[in-house]
Amino acid sequence: MMTIRPDIGKVVKERRKELGLTQKQVSELSSINKTTISEIENGRFIGSFDIFDKVIGSIDLEFIVRRKVRRIPNLDELEELFGDD
């Protein structure tokens, strides 16, 4: 499940490359600044949903909203979070 900006950015970057597009070309297709495309791909974008929507729409992606699944982390996940490093 994709819930954080870096995960979204990774999918955007993979899709852009799959289509053989540069960030500049996505910028032109979406009418969004190239710097913003880079911020999205690197998980640092904190702007509006409208901007996200224009960018992902320009590369044939869409947001899907669904009910959040809550679960308790297992022991391995807890160890990874709080282990002695």
PDB file of N, CA and C in Angstrom:
ATOM      1  N   MET A   1       0.840  -1.177   0.000  1.00  0.00           N
ATOM      2  CA  MET A   1       0.000   0.000   0.000  1.00  0.00           C
ATOM      3  C   MET A   1       0.885   1.240   0.000  1.00  0.00           C
ATOM      4  N   MET A   2       0.589   2.164  -0.852  1.00  0.00           N
ATOM      5  CA  MET A   2       1.365   3.374  -0.959  1.00  0.00           C
ATOM      6  C   MET A   2       0.785   4.440  -0.041  1.00  0.00           C
ATOM      7  N   THR A   3       1.551   4.879   0.939  1.00  0.00           N
ATOM      8  CA  THR A   3       1.013   5.870   1.860  1.00  0.00           C
ATOM      9  C   THR A   3       1.935   7.045   2.102  1.00  0.00           C
ATOM     10  N   ILE A   4       3.148   6.994   1.588  1.00  0.00           N
ATOM     11  CA  ILE A   4       4.062   8.087   1.863  1.00  0.00           C
ATOM     12  C   ILE A   4       4.606   8.673   0.561  1.00  0.00           C
ATOM     13  N   ARG A   5       5.001   9.932   0.645  1.00  0.00           N
ATOM     14  CA  ARG A   5       5.455  10.651  -0.545  1.00  0.00           C
ATOM     15  C   ARG A   5       6.599   9.971  -1.296  1.00  0.00           C
ATOM     16  N   PRO A   6       7.602   9.420  -0.591  1.00  0.00           N
ATOM     17  CA  PRO A   6       8.665   8.744  -1.352  1.00  0.00           C
ATOM     18  C   PRO A   6       8.157   7.576  -2.199  1.00  0.00           C
ATOM     19  N   ASP A   7       7.164   6.854  -1.692  1.00  0.00           N
ATOM     20  CA  ASP A   7       6.598   5.746  -2.467  1.00  0.00           C
ATOM     21  C   ASP A   7       5.881   6.265  -3.712  1.00  0.00           C
ATOM     22  N   ILE A   8       5.142   7.340  -3.552  1.00  0.00           N
ATOM     23  CA  ILE A   8       4.452   7.939  -4.695  1.00  0.00           C
ATOM     24  C   ILE A   8       5.486   8.433  -5.705  1.00  0.00           C
ATOM     25  N   GLY A   9       6.510   9.099  -5.210  1.00  0.00           N
ATOM     26  CA  GLY A   9       7.563   9.606  -6.089  1.00  0.00           C
ATOM     27  C   GLY A   9       8.245   8.512  -6.879  1.00  0.00           C
ATOM     28  N   LYS A  10       8.481   7.383  -6.220  1.00  0.00           N
ATOM     29  CA  LYS A  10       9.123   6.255  -6.894  1.00  0.00           C
ATOM     30  C   LYS A  10       8.263   5.757  -8.057  1.00  0.00           C
ATOM     31  N   VAL A  11       6.966   5.651  -7.829  1.00  0.00           N
ATOM     32  CA  VAL A  11       6.053   5.194  -8.889  1.00  0.00           C
ATOM     33  C   VAL A  11       6.012   6.205 -10.035  1.00  0.00           C
ATOM     34  N   VAL A  12       5.976   7.488  -9.700  1.00  0.00           N
ATOM     35  CA  VAL A  12       5.958   8.529 -10.729  1.00  0.00           C
ATOM     36  C   VAL A  12       7.233   8.448 -11.570  1.00  0.00           C
ATOM     37  N   LYS A  13       8.375   8.335 -10.912  1.00  0.00           N
ATOM     38  CA  LYS A  13       9.648   8.270 -11.634  1.00  0.00           C
ATOM     39  C   LYS A  13       9.733   7.028 -12.513  1.00  0.00           C
ATOM     40  N   GLU A  14       9.303   5.871 -11.967  1.00  0.00           N
ATOM     41  CA  GLU A  14       9.326   4.629 -12.752  1.00  0.00           C
ATOM     42  C   GLU A  14       8.429   4.744 -13.984  1.00  0.00           C
ATOM     43  N   ARG A  15       7.245   5.322 -13.806  1.00  0.00           N
ATOM     44  CA  ARG A  15       6.311   5.462 -14.921  1.00  0.00           C
ATOM     45  C   ARG A  15       6.862   6.425 -15.980  1.00  0.00           C
ATOM     46  N   ARG A  16       7.447   7.526 -15.514  1.00  0.00           N
ATOM     47  CA  ARG A  16       8.031   8.486 -16.453  1.00  0.00           C
ATOM     48  C   ARG A  16       9.106   7.812 -17.304  1.00  0.00           C
ATOM     49  N   LYS A  17       9.980   7.064 -16.657  1.00  0.00           N
ATOM     50  CA  LYS A  17      11.050   6.375 -17.379  1.00  0.00           C
ATOM     51  C   LYS A  17      10.495   5.292 -18.301  1.00  0.00           C
ATOM     52  N   GLU A  18       9.454   4.593 -17.820  1.00  0.00           N
ATOM     53  CA  GLU A  18       8.797   3.572 -18.641  1.00  0.00           C
ATOM     54  C   GLU A  18       8.276   4.178 -19.943  1.00  0.00           C
ATOM     55  N   LEU A  19       7.795   5.406 -19.859  1.00  0.00           N
ATOM     56  CA  LEU A  19       7.277   6.106 -21.037  1.00  0.00           C
ATOM     57  C   LEU A  19       8.391   6.768 -21.854  1.00  0.00           C
ATOM     58  N   GLY A  20       9.615   6.716 -21.335  1.00  0.00           N
ATOM     59  CA  GLY A  20      10.739   7.319 -22.048  1.00  0.00           C
ATOM     60  C   GLY A  20      10.733   8.839 -22.021  1.00  0.00           C
ATOM     61  N   LEU A  21      10.186   9.407 -20.949  1.00  0.00           N
ATOM     62  CA  LEU A  21      10.072  10.862 -20.845  1.00  0.00           C
ATOM     63  C   LEU A  21      11.107  11.428 -19.874  1.00  0.00           C
ATOM     64  N   THR A  22      11.518  12.655 -20.128  1.00  0.00           N
ATOM     65  CA  THR A  22      12.362  13.386 -19.191  1.00  0.00           C
ATOM     66  C   THR A  22      11.452  14.162 -18.229  1.00  0.00           C
ATOM     67  N   GLN A  23      12.043  14.656 -17.150  1.00  0.00           N
ATOM     68  CA  GLN A  23      11.263  15.510 -16.243  1.00  0.00           C
ATOM     69  C   GLN A  23      10.781  16.755 -16.976  1.00  0.00           C
ATOM     70  N   LYS A  24      11.600  17.272 -17.863  1.00  0.00           N
ATOM     71  CA  LYS A  24      11.209  18.459 -18.640  1.00  0.00           C
ATOM     72  C   LYS A  24       9.988  18.168 -19.507  1.00  0.00           C
ATOM     73  N   GLN A  25       9.946  16.995 -20.113  1.00  0.00           N
ATOM     74  CA  GLN A  25       8.791  16.637 -20.934  1.00  0.00           C
ATOM     75  C   GLN A  25       7.532  16.475 -20.089  1.00  0.00           C
ATOM     76  N   VAL A  26       7.663  15.867 -18.916  1.00  0.00           N
ATOM     77  CA  VAL A  26       6.503  15.747 -18.011  1.00  0.00           C
ATOM     78  C   VAL A  26       6.064  17.136 -17.571  1.00  0.00           C
ATOM     79  N   SER A  27       7.026  18.010 -17.348  1.00  0.00           N
ATOM     80  CA  SER A  27       6.713  19.391 -16.986  1.00  0.00           C
ATOM     81  C   SER A  27       5.882  20.057 -18.080  1.00  0.00           C
ATOM     82  N   GLU A  28       6.268  19.843 -19.315  1.00  0.00           N
ATOM     83  CA  GLU A  28       5.539  20.424 -20.438  1.00  0.00           C
ATOM     84  C   GLU A  28       4.148  19.814 -20.591  1.00  0.00           C
ATOM     85  N   LEU A  29       4.048  18.501 -20.401  1.00  0.00           N
ATOM     86  CA  LEU A  29       2.749  17.824 -20.523  1.00  0.00           C
ATOM     87  C   LEU A  29       1.769  18.250 -19.426  1.00  0.00           C
ATOM     88  N   SER A  30       2.300  18.464 -18.227  1.00  0.00           N
ATOM     89  CA  SER A  30       1.447  18.747 -17.076  1.00  0.00           C
ATOM     90  C   SER A  30       1.298  20.235 -16.769  1.00  0.00           C
ATOM     91  N   SER A  31       2.113  21.073 -17.417  1.00  0.00           N
ATOM     92  CA  SER A  31       2.159  22.515 -17.124  1.00  0.00           C
ATOM     93  C   SER A  31       2.592  22.783 -15.682  1.00  0.00           C
ATOM     94  N   ILE A  32       3.427  21.889 -15.142  1.00  0.00           N
ATOM     95  CA  ILE A  32       3.965  22.033 -13.793  1.00  0.00           C
ATOM     96  C   ILE A  32       5.479  22.181 -13.908  1.00  0.00           C
ATOM     97  N   ASN A  33       6.050  23.080 -13.131  1.00  0.00           N
ATOM     98  CA  ASN A  33       7.478  23.364 -13.165  1.00  0.00           C
ATOM     99  C   ASN A  33       8.319  22.102 -12.992  1.00  0.00           C
ATOM    100  N   LYS A  34       9.421  22.011 -13.733  1.00  0.00           N
ATOM    101  CA  LYS A  34      10.318  20.853 -13.674  1.00  0.00           C
ATOM    102  C   LYS A  34      10.859  20.623 -12.255  1.00  0.00           C
ATOM    103  N   THR A  35      11.117  21.693 -11.525  1.00  0.00           N
ATOM    104  CA  THR A  35      11.593  21.560 -10.146  1.00  0.00           C
ATOM    105  C   THR A  35      10.563  20.820  -9.292  1.00  0.00           C
ATOM    106  N   THR A  36       9.300  21.091  -9.515  1.00  0.00           N
ATOM    107  CA  THR A  36       8.230  20.408  -8.782  1.00  0.00           C
ATOM    108  C   THR A  36       8.179  18.933  -9.161  1.00  0.00           C
ATOM    109  N   ILE A  37       8.387  18.600 -10.427  1.00  0.00           N
ATOM    110  CA  ILE A  37       8.430  17.207 -10.858  1.00  0.00           C
ATOM    111  C   ILE A  37       9.538  16.484 -10.091  1.00  0.00           C
ATOM    112  N   SER A  38      10.697  17.114  -9.994  1.00  0.00           N
ATOM    113  CA  SER A  38      11.823  16.539  -9.260  1.00  0.00           C
ATOM    114  C   SER A  38      11.471  16.347  -7.779  1.00  0.00           C
ATOM    115  N   GLU A  39      10.826  17.344  -7.174  1.00  0.00           N
ATOM    116  CA  GLU A  39      10.432  17.235  -5.765  1.00  0.00           C
ATOM    117  C   GLU A  39       9.464  16.066  -5.554  1.00  0.00           C
ATOM    118  N   ILE A  40       8.534  15.889  -6.476  1.00  0.00           N
ATOM    119  CA  ILE A  40       7.585  14.778  -6.375  1.00  0.00           C
ATOM    120  C   ILE A  40       8.334  13.462  -6.452  1.00  0.00           C
ATOM    121  N   GLU A  41       9.197  13.327  -7.450  1.00  0.00           N
ATOM    122  CA  GLU A  41       9.924  12.074  -7.639  1.00  0.00           C
ATOM    123  C   GLU A  41      10.850  11.742  -6.469  1.00  0.00           C
ATOM    124  N   ASN A  42      11.329  12.767  -5.776  1.00  0.00           N
ATOM    125  CA  ASN A  42      12.232  12.557  -4.652  1.00  0.00           C
ATOM    126  C   ASN A  42      11.526  12.541  -3.303  1.00  0.00           C
ATOM    127  N   GLY A  43      10.185  12.565  -3.330  1.00  0.00           N
ATOM    128  CA  GLY A  43       9.407  12.462  -2.092  1.00  0.00           C
ATOM    129  C   GLY A  43       9.431  13.696  -1.225  1.00  0.00           C
ATOM    130  N   ARG A  44       9.780  14.839  -1.797  1.00  0.00           N
ATOM    131  CA  ARG A  44       9.890  16.071  -1.007  1.00  0.00           C
ATOM    132  C   ARG A  44       8.773  17.077  -1.291  1.00  0.00           C
ATOM    133  N   PHE A  45       7.862  16.749  -2.187  1.00  0.00           N
ATOM    134  CA  PHE A  45       6.807  17.689  -2.557  1.00  0.00           C
ATOM    135  C   PHE A  45       5.748  17.752  -1.465  1.00  0.00           C
ATOM    136  N   ILE A  46       5.401  18.957  -1.032  1.00  0.00           N
ATOM    137  CA  ILE A  46       4.376  19.129  -0.003  1.00  0.00           C
ATOM    138  C   ILE A  46       3.260  20.063  -0.460  1.00  0.00           C
ATOM    139  N   GLY A  47       3.146  20.213  -1.770  1.00  0.00           N
ATOM    140  CA  GLY A  47       2.154  21.124  -2.334  1.00  0.00           C
ATOM    141  C   GLY A  47       0.762  20.531  -2.433  1.00  0.00           C
ATOM    142  N   SER A  48      -0.022  21.092  -3.310  1.00  0.00           N
ATOM    143  CA  SER A  48      -1.441  20.763  -3.407  1.00  0.00           C
ATOM    144  C   SER A  48      -1.717  19.455  -4.152  1.00  0.00           C
ATOM    145  N   PHE A  49      -2.864  18.899  -3.857  1.00  0.00           N
ATOM    146  CA  PHE A  49      -3.331  17.706  -4.553  1.00  0.00           C
ATOM    147  C   PHE A  49      -3.517  17.996  -6.037  1.00  0.00           C
ATOM    148  N   ASP A  50      -3.963  19.204  -6.368  1.00  0.00           N
ATOM    149  CA  ASP A  50      -4.176  19.570  -7.774  1.00  0.00           C
ATOM    150  C   ASP A  50      -2.896  19.413  -8.596  1.00  0.00           C
ATOM    151  N   ILE A  51      -1.772  19.800  -8.012  1.00  0.00           N
ATOM    152  CA  ILE A  51      -0.500  19.672  -8.716  1.00  0.00           C
ATOM    153  C   ILE A  51      -0.143  18.202  -8.890  1.00  0.00           C
ATOM    154  N   PHE A  52      -0.251  17.421  -7.800  1.00  0.00           N
ATOM    155  CA  PHE A  52      -0.028  15.973  -7.904  1.00  0.00           C
ATOM    156  C   PHE A  52      -0.892  15.388  -9.015  1.00  0.00           C
ATOM    157  N   ASP A  53      -2.159  15.753  -9.019  1.00  0.00           N
ATOM    158  CA  ASP A  53      -3.115  15.206  -9.983  1.00  0.00           C
ATOM    159  C   ASP A  53      -2.726  15.542 -11.421  1.00  0.00           C
ATOM    160  N   LYS A  54      -2.287  16.769 -11.664  1.00  0.00           N
ATOM    161  CA  LYS A  54      -1.861  17.150 -13.014  1.00  0.00           C
ATOM    162  C   LYS A  54      -0.654  16.332 -13.466  1.00  0.00           C
ATOM    163  N   VAL A  55       0.295  16.155 -12.552  1.00  0.00           N
ATOM    164  CA  VAL A  55       1.509  15.420 -12.908  1.00  0.00           C
ATOM    165  C   VAL A  55       1.198  13.960 -13.172  1.00  0.00           C
ATOM    166  N   ILE A  56       0.497  13.305 -12.243  1.00  0.00           N
ATOM    167  CA  ILE A  56       0.251  11.875 -12.448  1.00  0.00           C
ATOM    168  C   ILE A  56      -0.688  11.636 -13.621  1.00  0.00           C
ATOM    169  N   GLY A  57      -1.623  12.548 -13.842  1.00  0.00           N
ATOM    170  CA  GLY A  57      -2.520  12.419 -14.988  1.00  0.00           C
ATOM    171  C   GLY A  57      -1.787  12.525 -16.307  1.00  0.00           C
ATOM    172  N   SER A  58      -0.730  13.334 -16.325  1.00  0.00           N
ATOM    173  CA  SER A  58       0.018  13.522 -17.569  1.00  0.00           C
ATOM    174  C   SER A  58       0.810  12.279 -17.963  1.00  0.00           C
ATOM    175  N   ILE A  59       1.008  11.357 -17.024  1.00  0.00           N
ATOM    176  CA  ILE A  59       1.734  10.111 -17.327  1.00  0.00           C
ATOM    177  C   ILE A  59       0.827   8.888 -17.126  1.00  0.00           C
ATOM    178  N   ASP A  60      -0.467   9.120 -17.252  1.00  0.00           N
ATOM    179  CA  ASP A  60      -1.470   8.048 -17.209  1.00  0.00           C
ATOM    180  C   ASP A  60      -1.473   7.253 -15.908  1.00  0.00           C
ATOM    181  N   LEU A  61      -1.358   7.971 -14.793  1.00  0.00           N
ATOM    182  CA  LEU A  61      -1.536   7.370 -13.469  1.00  0.00           C
ATOM    183  C   LEU A  61      -2.739   8.041 -12.821  1.00  0.00           C
ATOM    184  N   GLU A  62      -3.250   7.428 -11.764  1.00  0.00           N
ATOM    185  CA  GLU A  62      -4.367   8.026 -11.035  1.00  0.00           C
ATOM    186  C   GLU A  62      -4.242   7.690  -9.557  1.00  0.00           C
ATOM    187  N   PHE A  63      -4.810   8.561  -8.721  1.00  0.00           N
ATOM    188  CA  PHE A  63      -4.896   8.277  -7.293  1.00  0.00           C
ATOM    189  C   PHE A  63      -6.119   7.417  -7.043  1.00  0.00           C
ATOM    190  N   ILE A  64      -5.980   6.487  -6.134  1.00  0.00           N
ATOM    191  CA  ILE A  64      -7.121   5.682  -5.700  1.00  0.00           C
ATOM    192  C   ILE A  64      -7.221   5.842  -4.191  1.00  0.00           C
ATOM    193  N   VAL A  65      -8.380   6.230  -3.725  1.00  0.00           N
ATOM    194  CA  VAL A  65      -8.597   6.420  -2.292  1.00  0.00           C
ATOM    195  C   VAL A  65      -9.396   5.240  -1.776  1.00  0.00           C
ATOM    196  N   ARG A  66      -8.913   4.656  -0.689  1.00  0.00           N
ATOM    197  CA  ARG A  66      -9.622   3.537  -0.081  1.00  0.00           C
ATOM    198  C   ARG A  66      -9.454   3.600   1.424  1.00  0.00           C
ATOM    199  N   ARG A  67     -10.282   2.856   2.099  1.00  0.00           N
ATOM    200  CA  ARG A  67     -10.247   2.824   3.550  1.00  0.00           C
ATOM    201  C   ARG A  67      -8.894   2.298   4.015  1.00  0.00           C
ATOM    202  N   LYS A  68      -8.336   2.950   4.997  1.00  0.00           N
ATOM    203  CA  LYS A  68      -7.028   2.571   5.521  1.00  0.00           C
ATOM    204  C   LYS A  68      -7.146   1.289   6.336  1.00  0.00           C
ATOM    205  N   VAL A  69      -6.205   0.388   6.096  1.00  0.00           N
ATOM    206  CA  VAL A  69      -6.163  -0.862   6.841  1.00  0.00           C
ATOM    207  C   VAL A  69      -5.191  -0.668   7.997  1.00  0.00           C
ATOM    208  N   ARG A  70      -5.668  -0.876   9.196  1.00  0.00           N
ATOM    209  CA  ARG A  70      -4.817  -0.726  10.369  1.00  0.00           C
ATOM    210  C   ARG A  70      -4.446  -2.109  10.880  1.00  0.00           C
ATOM    211  N   ARG A  71      -3.180  -2.252  11.232  1.00  0.00           N
ATOM    212  CA  ARG A  71      -2.733  -3.522  11.767  1.00  0.00           C
ATOM    213  C   ARG A  71      -1.619  -3.286  12.766  1.00  0.00           C
ATOM    214  N   ILE A  72      -1.427  -4.246  13.617  1.00  0.00           N
ATOM    215  CA  ILE A  72      -0.368  -4.185  14.615  1.00  0.00           C
ATOM    216  C   ILE A  72       0.911  -4.709  13.976  1.00  0.00           C
ATOM    217  N   PRO A  73       2.043  -3.986  14.138  1.00  0.00           N
ATOM    218  CA  PRO A  73       3.292  -4.479  13.545  1.00  0.00           C
ATOM    219  C   PRO A  73       3.719  -5.804  14.174  1.00  0.00           C
ATOM    220  N   ASN A  74       4.367  -6.649  13.366  1.00  0.00           N
ATOM    221  CA  ASN A  74       4.855  -7.914  13.913  1.00  0.00           C
ATOM    222  C   ASN A  74       6.203  -7.679  14.598  1.00  0.00           C
ATOM    223  N   LEU A  75       6.723  -8.709  15.266  1.00  0.00           N
ATOM    224  CA  LEU A  75       7.954  -8.562  16.041  1.00  0.00           C
ATOM    225  C   LEU A  75       9.152  -8.154  15.190  1.00  0.00           C
ATOM    226  N   ASP A  76       9.262  -8.693  13.986  1.00  0.00           N
ATOM    227  CA  ASP A  76      10.376  -8.323  13.107  1.00  0.00           C
ATOM    228  C   ASP A  76      10.333  -6.834  12.752  1.00  0.00           C
ATOM    229  N   GLU A  77       9.121  -6.320  12.496  1.00  0.00           N
ATOM    230  CA  GLU A  77       8.977  -4.910  12.166  1.00  0.00           C
ATOM    231  C   GLU A  77       9.329  -4.026  13.366  1.00  0.00           C
ATOM    232  N   LEU A  78       8.921  -4.459  14.558  1.00  0.00           N
ATOM    233  CA  LEU A  78       9.265  -3.709  15.760  1.00  0.00           C
ATOM    234  C   LEU A  78      10.770  -3.716  15.999  1.00  0.00           C
ATOM    235  N   GLU A  79      11.397  -4.861  15.798  1.00  0.00           N
ATOM    236  CA  GLU A  79      12.838  -4.966  15.957  1.00  0.00           C
ATOM    237  C   GLU A  79      13.552  -4.031  14.977  1.00  0.00           C
ATOM    238  N   GLU A  80      13.045  -3.967  13.767  1.00  0.00           N
ATOM    239  CA  GLU A  80      13.636  -3.095  12.759  1.00  0.00           C
ATOM    240  C   GLU A  80      13.520  -1.637  13.159  1.00  0.00           C
ATOM    241  N   LEU A  81      12.378  -1.276  13.750  1.00  0.00           N
ATOM    242  CA  LEU A  81      12.158   0.112  14.175  1.00  0.00           C
ATOM    243  C   LEU A  81      12.967   0.501  15.408  1.00  0.00           C
ATOM    244  N   PHE A  82      13.042  -0.432  16.381  1.00  0.00           N
ATOM    245  CA  PHE A  82      13.609  -0.086  17.677  1.00  0.00           C
ATOM    246  C   PHE A  82      14.848  -0.893  18.050  1.00  0.00           C
ATOM    247  N   GLY A  83      15.417  -1.607  17.081  1.00  0.00           N
ATOM    248  CA  GLY A  83      16.596  -2.447  17.358  1.00  0.00           C
ATOM    249  C   GLY A  83      17.802  -1.637  17.778  1.00  0.00           C
ATOM    250  N   ASP A  84      18.758  -2.322  18.358  1.00  0.00           N
ATOM    251  CA  ASP A  84      20.014  -1.686  18.801  1.00  0.00           C
ATOM    252  C   ASP A  84      20.976  -1.585  17.638  1.00  0.00           C
ATOM    253  N   ASP A  85      21.075  -0.390  17.066  1.00  0.00           N
ATOM    254  CA  ASP A  85      22.025  -0.187  15.960  1.00  0.00           C
ATOM    255  C   ASP A  85      23.186   0.614  16.407  1.00  0.00           C
TER     256      ASP A  85
END
